[in-house]
């Protein structure tokens, strides 16, 4: 989710690359799940997030929508997000206050309390200093913290997806409503509703879908 804020007011003033170290470690989040509650519809999912959930939980996107996800509109674009349930908590939070999908959790959850700043067709990371209730004790390499395989491919994918969405949001205000509706339906169908083959490489499937999308 894009935020129109002064980065220097919410961060430690540094910009990080994937191989940089940042003070992220809290030893254990036991007893705290503040970042899993009260998030509204802000935890949006990209296609790789959906692929991970489909693979990890053995469910289709439409099945996930019935219980754990919902659709939101932001800047004219419709995207899936995590659904909040009882007590305004994420529906994937278990009775012990722990994430029940931790190995398959979405990219925004993996980032926290990091954020991304997008510039010059790529991105840097920044550390949000007011978001986490736990004291940050140890430094951890950024890419280790995000804990995603094939990290270079992942970062390239993130940039491609972000800037593709930006092209839509930049045009959304000028689009006739019927045209914008069609764009959103096509976006959802191509990148979310159409099931991924979870036995095959995600990035290859994404590139194939993106090639058709931009043709």
N, C-alpha and C. Protein backbone atom coordinates (compact mmCIF):
# COMPACT_ATOMS: atom_id res chain seq x y z
N UNK A 1 0.85 -1.19 0.00
CA UNK A 1 0.00 0.00 0.00
C UNK A 1 0.88 1.24 0.00
N UNK A 2 0.58 2.19 -0.88
CA UNK A 2 1.34 3.43 -0.93
C UNK A 2 0.88 4.36 0.18
N UNK A 3 1.82 5.07 0.78
CA UNK A 3 1.50 6.02 1.83
C UNK A 3 2.16 7.35 1.50
N UNK A 4 1.36 8.43 1.56
CA UNK A 4 1.89 9.76 1.29
C UNK A 4 2.35 10.40 2.60
N UNK A 5 3.55 10.04 3.03
CA UNK A 5 4.10 10.54 4.29
C UNK A 5 5.55 10.93 4.07
N UNK A 6 6.08 11.71 5.02
CA UNK A 6 7.50 12.04 5.01
C UNK A 6 8.25 10.86 5.61
N UNK A 7 8.99 10.14 4.78
CA UNK A 7 9.69 8.93 5.23
C UNK A 7 10.62 9.23 6.40
N UNK A 8 11.26 10.38 6.40
CA UNK A 8 12.21 10.70 7.46
C UNK A 8 11.53 10.86 8.82
N UNK A 9 10.22 11.12 8.83
CA UNK A 9 9.51 11.27 10.09
C UNK A 9 9.08 9.94 10.70
N UNK A 10 9.03 8.90 9.88
CA UNK A 10 8.56 7.61 10.39
C UNK A 10 9.66 6.54 10.39
N UNK A 11 10.86 6.90 9.93
CA UNK A 11 11.94 5.92 9.83
C UNK A 11 13.16 6.38 10.62
N UNK A 12 14.20 5.55 10.57
CA UNK A 12 15.45 5.92 11.23
C UNK A 12 16.33 6.79 10.33
N UNK A 13 15.78 7.22 9.21
CA UNK A 13 16.49 8.11 8.30
C UNK A 13 17.41 7.42 7.32
N UNK A 14 17.44 6.08 7.35
CA UNK A 14 18.34 5.33 6.49
C UNK A 14 17.55 4.64 5.38
N UNK A 15 18.24 4.37 4.27
CA UNK A 15 17.70 3.57 3.18
C UNK A 15 18.54 2.30 3.10
N UNK A 16 17.89 1.16 3.03
CA UNK A 16 18.60 -0.12 3.09
C UNK A 16 18.45 -0.89 1.79
N UNK A 17 19.49 -1.65 1.45
CA UNK A 17 19.44 -2.62 0.37
C UNK A 17 19.26 -4.02 0.97
N UNK A 18 19.03 -5.00 0.12
CA UNK A 18 18.73 -6.36 0.57
C UNK A 18 19.83 -6.95 1.44
N UNK A 19 21.08 -6.60 1.18
CA UNK A 19 22.19 -7.19 1.92
C UNK A 19 22.63 -6.35 3.12
N UNK A 20 21.93 -5.26 3.39
CA UNK A 20 22.25 -4.43 4.54
C UNK A 20 21.68 -5.05 5.82
N UNK A 21 22.28 -4.66 6.94
CA UNK A 21 21.80 -5.08 8.25
C UNK A 21 20.97 -3.96 8.87
N UNK A 22 19.86 -4.34 9.52
CA UNK A 22 19.03 -3.36 10.22
C UNK A 22 18.59 -3.96 11.55
N UNK A 23 18.31 -3.09 12.51
CA UNK A 23 17.90 -3.56 13.84
C UNK A 23 16.44 -4.01 13.77
N UNK A 24 16.26 -5.32 13.54
CA UNK A 24 14.94 -5.90 13.33
C UNK A 24 14.58 -6.97 14.35
N UNK A 25 15.57 -7.65 14.90
CA UNK A 25 15.32 -8.79 15.76
C UNK A 25 14.71 -8.42 17.10
N UNK A 26 13.68 -9.18 17.50
CA UNK A 26 13.03 -8.96 18.79
C UNK A 26 13.07 -10.22 19.66
N UNK A 27 13.87 -11.19 19.26
CA UNK A 27 14.00 -12.48 19.94
C UNK A 27 12.75 -13.32 19.70
N UNK A 28 11.59 -12.85 20.17
CA UNK A 28 10.35 -13.61 19.97
C UNK A 28 9.18 -12.65 20.13
N UNK A 29 8.14 -12.84 19.32
CA UNK A 29 6.95 -11.99 19.42
C UNK A 29 5.92 -12.57 20.39
N UNK A 30 6.28 -13.59 21.16
CA UNK A 30 5.35 -14.23 22.07
C UNK A 30 4.69 -13.20 22.98
N UNK A 31 3.37 -13.30 23.09
CA UNK A 31 2.63 -12.39 23.95
C UNK A 31 2.20 -11.11 23.27
N UNK A 32 2.59 -10.94 22.02
CA UNK A 32 2.23 -9.72 21.29
C UNK A 32 1.79 -10.07 19.88
N UNK A 33 0.65 -9.54 19.49
CA UNK A 33 0.21 -9.67 18.10
C UNK A 33 -0.44 -8.36 17.65
N UNK A 34 0.09 -7.26 18.15
CA UNK A 34 -0.47 -5.95 17.84
C UNK A 34 -0.47 -5.67 16.34
N UNK A 35 0.56 -6.16 15.65
CA UNK A 35 0.64 -5.89 14.21
C UNK A 35 -0.34 -6.75 13.41
N UNK A 36 -1.04 -7.67 14.07
CA UNK A 36 -2.02 -8.53 13.39
C UNK A 36 -3.45 -8.10 13.68
N UNK A 37 -3.62 -6.96 14.34
CA UNK A 37 -4.96 -6.48 14.68
C UNK A 37 -5.11 -5.02 14.24
N UNK A 38 -6.35 -4.66 13.98
CA UNK A 38 -6.64 -3.26 13.66
C UNK A 38 -6.05 -2.76 12.36
N UNK A 39 -5.78 -3.67 11.43
CA UNK A 39 -5.13 -3.27 10.18
C UNK A 39 -6.13 -2.92 9.09
N UNK A 40 -7.43 -3.11 9.37
CA UNK A 40 -8.43 -2.77 8.37
C UNK A 40 -8.21 -3.55 7.08
N UNK A 41 -8.20 -2.85 5.97
CA UNK A 41 -7.99 -3.51 4.68
C UNK A 41 -6.62 -3.15 4.09
N UNK A 42 -5.66 -2.84 4.97
CA UNK A 42 -4.37 -2.32 4.51
C UNK A 42 -3.38 -3.40 4.08
N UNK A 43 -3.62 -4.67 4.44
CA UNK A 43 -2.66 -5.73 4.09
C UNK A 43 -3.05 -6.31 2.73
N UNK A 44 -2.66 -5.62 1.68
CA UNK A 44 -3.00 -6.07 0.34
C UNK A 44 -2.06 -7.19 -0.11
N UNK A 45 -2.56 -8.03 -0.99
CA UNK A 45 -1.82 -9.19 -1.44
C UNK A 45 -1.42 -9.03 -2.90
N UNK A 46 -0.18 -9.37 -3.19
CA UNK A 46 0.25 -9.42 -4.59
C UNK A 46 0.09 -10.85 -5.09
N UNK A 47 0.28 -11.10 -6.39
CA UNK A 47 0.07 -12.46 -6.92
C UNK A 47 0.92 -13.54 -6.25
N UNK A 48 2.16 -13.22 -5.88
CA UNK A 48 2.99 -14.23 -5.23
C UNK A 48 2.44 -14.58 -3.85
N UNK A 49 1.86 -13.61 -3.15
CA UNK A 49 1.22 -13.89 -1.87
C UNK A 49 0.12 -14.94 -2.05
N UNK A 50 -0.68 -14.76 -3.10
CA UNK A 50 -1.79 -15.69 -3.36
C UNK A 50 -1.24 -17.07 -3.73
N UNK A 51 -0.21 -17.10 -4.55
CA UNK A 51 0.44 -18.36 -4.91
C UNK A 51 0.91 -19.10 -3.66
N UNK A 52 1.55 -18.39 -2.74
CA UNK A 52 2.05 -19.01 -1.50
C UNK A 52 0.90 -19.56 -0.66
N UNK A 53 -0.18 -18.80 -0.56
CA UNK A 53 -1.33 -19.27 0.22
C UNK A 53 -2.00 -20.47 -0.43
N UNK A 54 -2.15 -20.42 -1.74
CA UNK A 54 -2.75 -21.55 -2.45
C UNK A 54 -1.90 -22.81 -2.26
N UNK A 55 -0.59 -22.66 -2.37
CA UNK A 55 0.31 -23.80 -2.22
C UNK A 55 0.35 -24.29 -0.78
N UNK A 56 0.44 -23.38 0.17
CA UNK A 56 0.57 -23.77 1.57
C UNK A 56 -0.69 -24.32 2.18
N UNK A 57 -1.85 -23.79 1.75
CA UNK A 57 -3.11 -24.18 2.36
C UNK A 57 -3.93 -25.13 1.49
N UNK A 58 -3.49 -25.31 0.25
CA UNK A 58 -4.23 -26.20 -0.64
C UNK A 58 -5.61 -25.67 -1.00
N UNK A 59 -5.73 -24.35 -1.11
CA UNK A 59 -7.02 -23.72 -1.43
C UNK A 59 -6.89 -22.87 -2.68
N UNK A 60 -8.00 -22.67 -3.36
CA UNK A 60 -8.03 -21.77 -4.49
C UNK A 60 -8.22 -20.34 -3.98
N UNK A 61 -8.00 -19.38 -4.86
CA UNK A 61 -8.22 -17.99 -4.51
C UNK A 61 -9.67 -17.75 -4.09
N UNK A 62 -10.60 -18.33 -4.82
CA UNK A 62 -12.01 -18.14 -4.50
C UNK A 62 -12.37 -18.76 -3.15
N UNK A 63 -11.74 -19.86 -2.81
CA UNK A 63 -11.96 -20.46 -1.48
C UNK A 63 -11.40 -19.56 -0.38
N UNK A 64 -10.26 -18.97 -0.62
CA UNK A 64 -9.67 -18.05 0.36
C UNK A 64 -10.56 -16.84 0.58
N UNK A 65 -11.22 -16.38 -0.49
CA UNK A 65 -12.10 -15.22 -0.39
C UNK A 65 -13.31 -15.48 0.51
N UNK A 66 -13.70 -16.73 0.65
CA UNK A 66 -14.89 -17.02 1.46
C UNK A 66 -14.65 -16.85 2.95
N UNK A 67 -13.38 -16.94 3.39
CA UNK A 67 -13.11 -16.89 4.83
C UNK A 67 -12.06 -15.87 5.23
N UNK A 68 -10.97 -15.80 4.50
CA UNK A 68 -9.80 -15.09 5.01
C UNK A 68 -9.40 -13.85 4.22
N UNK A 69 -9.93 -13.69 3.02
CA UNK A 69 -9.57 -12.54 2.20
C UNK A 69 -10.83 -11.78 1.82
N UNK A 70 -10.63 -10.53 1.42
CA UNK A 70 -11.70 -9.73 0.85
C UNK A 70 -11.10 -8.79 -0.18
N UNK A 71 -11.94 -8.13 -0.95
CA UNK A 71 -11.46 -7.22 -1.97
C UNK A 71 -11.59 -5.78 -1.48
N UNK A 72 -10.60 -4.97 -1.82
CA UNK A 72 -10.61 -3.55 -1.44
C UNK A 72 -10.34 -2.72 -2.68
N UNK A 73 -10.74 -1.46 -2.64
CA UNK A 73 -10.47 -0.52 -3.72
C UNK A 73 -9.59 0.58 -3.18
N UNK A 74 -8.47 0.82 -3.85
CA UNK A 74 -7.57 1.90 -3.47
C UNK A 74 -7.00 2.52 -4.74
N UNK A 75 -7.13 3.83 -4.85
CA UNK A 75 -6.64 4.55 -6.03
C UNK A 75 -7.22 3.98 -7.32
N UNK A 76 -8.45 3.50 -7.23
CA UNK A 76 -9.14 3.00 -8.41
C UNK A 76 -8.87 1.55 -8.75
N UNK A 77 -7.99 0.89 -8.02
CA UNK A 77 -7.62 -0.49 -8.32
C UNK A 77 -8.20 -1.43 -7.27
N UNK A 78 -8.79 -2.53 -7.73
CA UNK A 78 -9.34 -3.54 -6.82
C UNK A 78 -8.30 -4.62 -6.60
N UNK A 79 -7.96 -4.87 -5.33
CA UNK A 79 -6.97 -5.88 -4.96
C UNK A 79 -7.46 -6.66 -3.74
N UNK A 80 -7.02 -7.90 -3.60
CA UNK A 80 -7.37 -8.66 -2.40
C UNK A 80 -6.55 -8.20 -1.20
N UNK A 81 -7.12 -8.35 -0.02
CA UNK A 81 -6.41 -8.03 1.22
C UNK A 81 -6.81 -9.04 2.28
N UNK A 82 -6.05 -9.08 3.36
CA UNK A 82 -6.40 -9.93 4.49
C UNK A 82 -7.65 -9.39 5.17
N UNK A 83 -8.52 -10.30 5.57
CA UNK A 83 -9.76 -9.93 6.24
C UNK A 83 -9.54 -9.90 7.76
N UNK A 84 -10.09 -8.90 8.42
CA UNK A 84 -10.07 -8.84 9.87
C UNK A 84 -11.36 -9.47 10.39
N UNK A 85 -11.25 -10.19 11.50
CA UNK A 85 -12.41 -10.87 12.07
C UNK A 85 -12.74 -10.39 13.46
N UNK A 86 -13.02 -11.34 14.37
CA UNK A 86 -13.41 -11.00 15.75
C UNK A 86 -12.29 -10.20 16.42
N UNK A 87 -12.69 -9.15 17.12
CA UNK A 87 -11.71 -8.33 17.81
C UNK A 87 -10.83 -7.55 16.86
N UNK A 88 -11.28 -7.41 15.61
CA UNK A 88 -10.53 -6.70 14.58
C UNK A 88 -9.16 -7.33 14.36
N UNK A 89 -9.09 -8.66 14.53
CA UNK A 89 -7.84 -9.39 14.35
C UNK A 89 -7.84 -10.11 13.02
N UNK A 90 -6.67 -10.33 12.46
CA UNK A 90 -6.53 -11.08 11.23
C UNK A 90 -7.17 -12.46 11.41
N UNK A 91 -7.90 -12.91 10.40
CA UNK A 91 -8.59 -14.19 10.51
C UNK A 91 -7.63 -15.37 10.51
N UNK A 92 -6.37 -15.14 10.22
CA UNK A 92 -5.36 -16.21 10.29
C UNK A 92 -4.69 -16.28 11.66
N UNK A 93 -5.07 -15.38 12.57
CA UNK A 93 -4.52 -15.42 13.93
C UNK A 93 -5.20 -16.53 14.70
N UNK A 94 -4.40 -17.42 15.34
CA UNK A 94 -5.01 -18.54 16.07
C UNK A 94 -5.38 -18.17 17.50
N UNK A 95 -5.90 -19.13 18.24
CA UNK A 95 -6.39 -18.87 19.60
C UNK A 95 -5.26 -18.49 20.56
N UNK A 96 -4.04 -18.85 20.21
CA UNK A 96 -2.88 -18.50 21.04
C UNK A 96 -2.29 -17.15 20.66
N UNK A 97 -2.93 -16.46 19.74
CA UNK A 97 -2.42 -15.16 19.31
C UNK A 97 -1.21 -15.26 18.42
N UNK A 98 -1.09 -16.37 17.70
CA UNK A 98 0.05 -16.57 16.80
C UNK A 98 -0.46 -16.73 15.36
N UNK A 99 0.41 -16.43 14.42
CA UNK A 99 0.05 -16.53 13.01
C UNK A 99 -0.03 -18.00 12.61
N UNK A 100 -1.19 -18.42 12.12
CA UNK A 100 -1.38 -19.82 11.74
C UNK A 100 -0.83 -20.13 10.35
N UNK A 101 -0.42 -19.10 9.62
CA UNK A 101 0.11 -19.31 8.26
C UNK A 101 1.52 -18.75 8.14
N UNK A 102 2.25 -18.73 9.24
CA UNK A 102 3.54 -18.04 9.25
C UNK A 102 4.46 -18.46 8.10
N UNK A 103 4.58 -19.74 7.74
CA UNK A 103 5.45 -20.09 6.61
C UNK A 103 4.95 -19.55 5.28
N UNK A 104 3.66 -19.23 5.19
CA UNK A 104 3.06 -18.79 3.93
C UNK A 104 2.58 -17.34 4.01
N UNK A 105 2.97 -16.61 5.05
CA UNK A 105 2.44 -15.27 5.27
C UNK A 105 2.76 -14.32 4.10
N UNK A 106 1.91 -13.32 3.91
CA UNK A 106 2.10 -12.38 2.80
C UNK A 106 3.35 -11.52 2.94
N UNK A 107 3.72 -10.91 1.82
CA UNK A 107 4.94 -10.11 1.78
C UNK A 107 4.93 -8.93 2.73
N UNK A 108 3.79 -8.26 2.91
CA UNK A 108 3.74 -7.12 3.82
C UNK A 108 4.02 -7.57 5.25
N UNK A 109 3.51 -8.74 5.61
CA UNK A 109 3.76 -9.28 6.95
C UNK A 109 5.24 -9.63 7.12
N UNK A 110 5.84 -10.17 6.06
CA UNK A 110 7.27 -10.50 6.11
C UNK A 110 8.12 -9.25 6.27
N UNK A 111 7.71 -8.18 5.63
CA UNK A 111 8.46 -6.92 5.69
C UNK A 111 8.46 -6.30 7.08
N UNK A 112 7.32 -6.30 7.74
CA UNK A 112 7.11 -5.54 8.97
C UNK A 112 8.23 -5.76 9.99
N UNK A 113 8.78 -4.66 10.56
CA UNK A 113 8.39 -3.26 10.45
C UNK A 113 9.12 -2.48 9.34
N UNK A 114 9.62 -3.19 8.34
CA UNK A 114 10.21 -2.51 7.20
C UNK A 114 9.12 -2.01 6.25
N UNK A 115 9.47 -1.04 5.45
CA UNK A 115 8.64 -0.59 4.35
C UNK A 115 9.51 -0.48 3.12
N UNK A 116 8.89 -0.26 1.98
CA UNK A 116 9.65 -0.05 0.75
C UNK A 116 9.38 1.36 0.22
N UNK A 117 10.41 1.99 -0.30
CA UNK A 117 10.26 3.26 -0.99
C UNK A 117 10.68 3.02 -2.43
N UNK A 118 9.80 3.36 -3.37
CA UNK A 118 10.02 3.08 -4.78
C UNK A 118 10.52 4.34 -5.49
N UNK A 119 11.67 4.21 -6.14
CA UNK A 119 12.27 5.30 -6.90
C UNK A 119 13.08 4.73 -8.05
N UNK A 120 13.07 5.44 -9.18
CA UNK A 120 13.93 5.09 -10.31
C UNK A 120 13.75 3.64 -10.76
N UNK A 121 12.49 3.21 -10.82
CA UNK A 121 12.14 1.86 -11.31
C UNK A 121 12.63 0.73 -10.43
N UNK A 122 13.00 1.04 -9.20
CA UNK A 122 13.40 0.00 -8.25
C UNK A 122 12.95 0.42 -6.85
N UNK A 123 13.52 -0.17 -5.81
CA UNK A 123 13.10 0.20 -4.47
C UNK A 123 14.26 0.08 -3.48
N UNK A 124 14.08 0.76 -2.36
CA UNK A 124 14.94 0.62 -1.18
C UNK A 124 14.03 0.27 -0.01
N UNK A 125 14.64 -0.16 1.08
CA UNK A 125 13.88 -0.47 2.30
C UNK A 125 14.13 0.61 3.34
N UNK A 126 13.15 0.82 4.20
CA UNK A 126 13.33 1.71 5.34
C UNK A 126 12.71 1.07 6.57
N UNK A 127 13.21 1.43 7.73
CA UNK A 127 12.76 0.85 9.00
C UNK A 127 11.77 1.80 9.67
N UNK A 128 10.52 1.35 9.83
CA UNK A 128 9.51 2.14 10.51
C UNK A 128 9.77 2.07 12.02
N UNK A 129 9.93 3.20 12.64
CA UNK A 129 10.37 3.22 14.04
C UNK A 129 9.23 3.36 15.04
N UNK A 130 8.01 3.59 14.58
CA UNK A 130 6.89 3.79 15.50
C UNK A 130 5.85 2.67 15.43
N UNK A 131 6.07 1.67 14.58
CA UNK A 131 5.02 0.70 14.30
C UNK A 131 5.02 -0.51 15.22
N UNK A 132 6.18 -1.00 15.61
CA UNK A 132 6.27 -2.23 16.42
C UNK A 132 6.36 -1.90 17.90
N UNK A 133 5.60 -2.63 18.72
CA UNK A 133 5.58 -2.40 20.16
C UNK A 133 6.76 -3.06 20.87
N UNK A 134 7.45 -3.94 20.18
CA UNK A 134 8.58 -4.64 20.79
C UNK A 134 9.88 -3.85 20.60
N UNK A 135 10.78 -3.98 21.57
CA UNK A 135 12.09 -3.32 21.44
C UNK A 135 12.96 -4.12 20.47
N UNK A 136 13.48 -3.45 19.47
CA UNK A 136 14.36 -4.08 18.49
C UNK A 136 15.75 -4.23 19.10
N UNK A 137 16.24 -5.47 19.15
CA UNK A 137 17.45 -5.76 19.91
C UNK A 137 18.66 -6.12 19.05
N UNK A 138 18.44 -6.83 17.95
CA UNK A 138 19.58 -7.33 17.18
C UNK A 138 19.44 -6.96 15.71
N UNK A 139 20.61 -6.86 15.05
CA UNK A 139 20.62 -6.54 13.62
C UNK A 139 20.53 -7.83 12.80
N UNK A 140 19.72 -7.76 11.76
CA UNK A 140 19.51 -8.90 10.87
C UNK A 140 19.58 -8.40 9.43
N UNK A 141 20.15 -9.21 8.55
CA UNK A 141 20.21 -8.84 7.14
C UNK A 141 18.79 -8.77 6.57
N UNK A 142 18.54 -7.74 5.77
CA UNK A 142 17.20 -7.50 5.24
C UNK A 142 16.63 -8.73 4.53
N UNK A 143 17.38 -9.32 3.61
CA UNK A 143 16.83 -10.44 2.85
C UNK A 143 16.61 -11.68 3.73
N UNK A 144 17.37 -11.82 4.80
CA UNK A 144 17.12 -12.91 5.74
C UNK A 144 15.83 -12.66 6.50
N UNK A 145 15.59 -11.41 6.85
CA UNK A 145 14.37 -11.06 7.58
C UNK A 145 13.12 -11.35 6.74
N UNK A 146 13.16 -10.98 5.47
CA UNK A 146 12.01 -11.17 4.60
C UNK A 146 11.79 -12.64 4.27
N UNK A 147 12.86 -13.42 4.30
CA UNK A 147 12.74 -14.88 4.27
C UNK A 147 11.94 -15.39 3.07
N UNK A 148 12.45 -15.08 1.88
CA UNK A 148 11.80 -15.51 0.65
C UNK A 148 12.84 -16.11 -0.28
N UNK A 149 12.61 -17.31 -0.81
CA UNK A 149 13.58 -17.95 -1.71
C UNK A 149 13.80 -17.14 -2.99
N UNK A 150 14.93 -17.40 -3.67
CA UNK A 150 15.24 -16.72 -4.94
C UNK A 150 15.04 -15.22 -4.80
N UNK A 151 15.74 -14.65 -3.84
CA UNK A 151 15.43 -13.27 -3.45
C UNK A 151 15.65 -12.26 -4.56
N UNK A 152 16.65 -12.45 -5.38
CA UNK A 152 16.88 -11.52 -6.48
C UNK A 152 15.70 -11.53 -7.45
N UNK A 153 15.18 -12.73 -7.74
CA UNK A 153 14.01 -12.84 -8.61
C UNK A 153 12.78 -12.20 -7.93
N UNK A 154 12.67 -12.40 -6.64
CA UNK A 154 11.56 -11.83 -5.89
C UNK A 154 11.58 -10.30 -5.97
N UNK A 155 12.75 -9.71 -5.77
CA UNK A 155 12.85 -8.25 -5.81
C UNK A 155 12.53 -7.72 -7.21
N UNK A 156 13.00 -8.41 -8.23
CA UNK A 156 12.70 -8.00 -9.60
C UNK A 156 11.20 -8.07 -9.86
N UNK A 157 10.58 -9.13 -9.39
CA UNK A 157 9.13 -9.30 -9.53
C UNK A 157 8.38 -8.19 -8.81
N UNK A 158 8.80 -7.87 -7.58
CA UNK A 158 8.13 -6.83 -6.79
C UNK A 158 8.14 -5.50 -7.53
N UNK A 159 9.28 -5.16 -8.13
CA UNK A 159 9.36 -3.91 -8.88
C UNK A 159 8.42 -3.94 -10.09
N UNK A 160 8.44 -5.04 -10.83
CA UNK A 160 7.60 -5.14 -12.02
C UNK A 160 6.12 -5.03 -11.65
N UNK A 161 5.72 -5.70 -10.58
CA UNK A 161 4.33 -5.65 -10.15
C UNK A 161 3.95 -4.25 -9.66
N UNK A 162 4.79 -3.65 -8.86
CA UNK A 162 4.50 -2.31 -8.32
C UNK A 162 4.32 -1.29 -9.45
N UNK A 163 5.26 -1.26 -10.37
CA UNK A 163 5.19 -0.24 -11.41
C UNK A 163 4.09 -0.52 -12.43
N UNK A 164 3.71 -1.77 -12.58
CA UNK A 164 2.57 -2.10 -13.42
C UNK A 164 1.28 -1.56 -12.80
N UNK A 165 1.13 -1.75 -11.49
CA UNK A 165 -0.04 -1.20 -10.80
C UNK A 165 -0.03 0.33 -10.82
N UNK A 166 1.15 0.90 -10.69
CA UNK A 166 1.26 2.37 -10.70
C UNK A 166 0.78 2.94 -12.03
N UNK A 167 1.08 2.25 -13.11
CA UNK A 167 0.60 2.71 -14.41
C UNK A 167 -0.93 2.78 -14.44
N UNK A 168 -1.57 1.80 -13.78
CA UNK A 168 -3.03 1.80 -13.74
C UNK A 168 -3.56 2.92 -12.85
N UNK A 169 -2.98 3.05 -11.66
CA UNK A 169 -3.47 4.08 -10.74
C UNK A 169 -3.24 5.49 -11.28
N UNK A 170 -2.16 5.67 -12.03
CA UNK A 170 -1.89 6.98 -12.62
C UNK A 170 -2.95 7.36 -13.65
N UNK A 171 -3.53 6.35 -14.29
CA UNK A 171 -4.53 6.59 -15.34
C UNK A 171 -5.96 6.49 -14.82
N UNK A 172 -6.13 5.94 -13.62
CA UNK A 172 -7.47 5.58 -13.14
C UNK A 172 -8.42 6.78 -13.08
N UNK A 173 -7.92 7.93 -12.63
CA UNK A 173 -8.80 9.09 -12.48
C UNK A 173 -9.35 9.58 -13.81
N UNK A 174 -8.60 9.33 -14.87
CA UNK A 174 -9.02 9.81 -16.18
C UNK A 174 -9.82 8.78 -16.96
N UNK A 175 -9.87 7.54 -16.47
CA UNK A 175 -10.58 6.48 -17.18
C UNK A 175 -12.09 6.59 -16.97
N UNK A 176 -12.87 6.33 -18.01
CA UNK A 176 -14.32 6.16 -17.80
C UNK A 176 -14.54 4.99 -16.85
N UNK A 177 -15.57 5.09 -16.03
CA UNK A 177 -15.80 4.07 -15.00
C UNK A 177 -15.97 2.67 -15.58
N UNK A 178 -16.62 2.56 -16.72
CA UNK A 178 -16.82 1.24 -17.31
C UNK A 178 -15.48 0.65 -17.76
N UNK A 179 -14.61 1.48 -18.31
CA UNK A 179 -13.30 1.00 -18.73
C UNK A 179 -12.46 0.58 -17.53
N UNK A 180 -12.50 1.38 -16.45
CA UNK A 180 -11.75 1.04 -15.25
C UNK A 180 -12.27 -0.25 -14.64
N UNK A 181 -13.57 -0.45 -14.68
CA UNK A 181 -14.15 -1.69 -14.17
C UNK A 181 -13.63 -2.88 -14.96
N UNK A 182 -13.58 -2.75 -16.27
CA UNK A 182 -13.08 -3.83 -17.12
C UNK A 182 -11.61 -4.13 -16.84
N UNK A 183 -10.82 -3.08 -16.66
CA UNK A 183 -9.39 -3.26 -16.34
C UNK A 183 -9.25 -4.02 -15.03
N UNK A 184 -10.03 -3.64 -14.02
CA UNK A 184 -9.96 -4.31 -12.72
C UNK A 184 -10.37 -5.78 -12.81
N UNK A 185 -11.43 -6.05 -13.56
CA UNK A 185 -11.88 -7.43 -13.70
C UNK A 185 -10.83 -8.29 -14.41
N UNK A 186 -10.20 -7.71 -15.42
CA UNK A 186 -9.14 -8.42 -16.14
C UNK A 186 -7.93 -8.65 -15.25
N UNK A 187 -7.59 -7.64 -14.44
CA UNK A 187 -6.45 -7.75 -13.53
C UNK A 187 -6.69 -8.86 -12.52
N UNK A 188 -7.86 -8.88 -11.92
CA UNK A 188 -8.18 -9.91 -10.93
C UNK A 188 -8.19 -11.30 -11.56
N UNK A 189 -8.80 -11.41 -12.72
CA UNK A 189 -8.89 -12.71 -13.37
C UNK A 189 -7.52 -13.23 -13.75
N UNK A 190 -6.70 -12.39 -14.36
CA UNK A 190 -5.42 -12.85 -14.89
C UNK A 190 -4.41 -13.17 -13.78
N UNK A 191 -4.36 -12.33 -12.75
CA UNK A 191 -3.29 -12.48 -11.76
C UNK A 191 -3.73 -13.11 -10.44
N UNK A 192 -5.02 -13.27 -10.21
CA UNK A 192 -5.48 -13.81 -8.94
C UNK A 192 -6.46 -14.98 -9.09
N UNK A 193 -7.54 -14.76 -9.82
CA UNK A 193 -8.59 -15.78 -9.89
C UNK A 193 -8.12 -17.02 -10.64
N UNK A 194 -7.44 -16.83 -11.76
CA UNK A 194 -6.91 -17.97 -12.52
C UNK A 194 -5.87 -18.69 -11.66
N UNK A 195 -6.15 -19.95 -11.32
CA UNK A 195 -5.31 -20.69 -10.38
C UNK A 195 -3.88 -20.83 -10.90
N UNK A 196 -2.93 -20.77 -9.98
CA UNK A 196 -1.54 -21.04 -10.30
C UNK A 196 -1.27 -22.54 -10.13
N UNK A 197 -0.37 -23.04 -10.94
CA UNK A 197 0.10 -24.41 -10.77
C UNK A 197 1.16 -24.38 -9.68
N UNK A 198 0.79 -24.80 -8.48
CA UNK A 198 1.69 -24.67 -7.34
C UNK A 198 2.81 -25.72 -7.34
N UNK A 199 2.81 -26.60 -8.34
CA UNK A 199 3.93 -27.54 -8.48
C UNK A 199 5.00 -26.96 -9.39
N UNK A 200 4.70 -25.79 -9.99
CA UNK A 200 5.62 -25.17 -10.93
C UNK A 200 6.11 -23.82 -10.40
N UNK A 201 7.18 -23.33 -11.00
CA UNK A 201 7.78 -22.06 -10.61
C UNK A 201 6.78 -20.90 -10.76
N UNK A 202 6.66 -20.09 -9.72
CA UNK A 202 5.73 -18.96 -9.77
C UNK A 202 6.17 -17.92 -10.78
N UNK A 203 7.44 -17.55 -10.76
CA UNK A 203 7.89 -16.41 -11.57
C UNK A 203 7.70 -16.65 -13.06
N UNK A 204 7.89 -17.87 -13.51
CA UNK A 204 7.67 -18.20 -14.91
C UNK A 204 6.20 -17.98 -15.27
N UNK A 205 5.30 -18.43 -14.39
CA UNK A 205 3.87 -18.24 -14.63
C UNK A 205 3.49 -16.76 -14.62
N UNK A 206 4.07 -16.01 -13.69
CA UNK A 206 3.79 -14.58 -13.62
C UNK A 206 4.25 -13.87 -14.88
N UNK A 207 5.45 -14.19 -15.35
CA UNK A 207 5.97 -13.54 -16.56
C UNK A 207 5.09 -13.86 -17.76
N UNK A 208 4.60 -15.07 -17.84
CA UNK A 208 3.70 -15.43 -18.95
C UNK A 208 2.42 -14.60 -18.89
N UNK A 209 1.88 -14.45 -17.70
CA UNK A 209 0.66 -13.68 -17.55
C UNK A 209 0.91 -12.20 -17.81
N UNK A 210 2.05 -11.70 -17.36
CA UNK A 210 2.39 -10.30 -17.57
C UNK A 210 2.61 -10.01 -19.05
N UNK A 211 3.20 -10.96 -19.77
CA UNK A 211 3.44 -10.76 -21.20
C UNK A 211 2.12 -10.58 -21.94
N UNK A 212 1.11 -11.36 -21.56
CA UNK A 212 -0.21 -11.22 -22.18
C UNK A 212 -0.85 -9.91 -21.76
N UNK A 213 -0.68 -9.56 -20.49
CA UNK A 213 -1.29 -8.34 -19.94
C UNK A 213 -0.77 -7.09 -20.65
N UNK A 214 0.53 -7.06 -20.95
CA UNK A 214 1.14 -5.85 -21.53
C UNK A 214 1.20 -5.88 -23.04
N UNK A 215 0.72 -6.98 -23.63
CA UNK A 215 0.78 -7.09 -25.12
C UNK A 215 -0.11 -6.06 -25.79
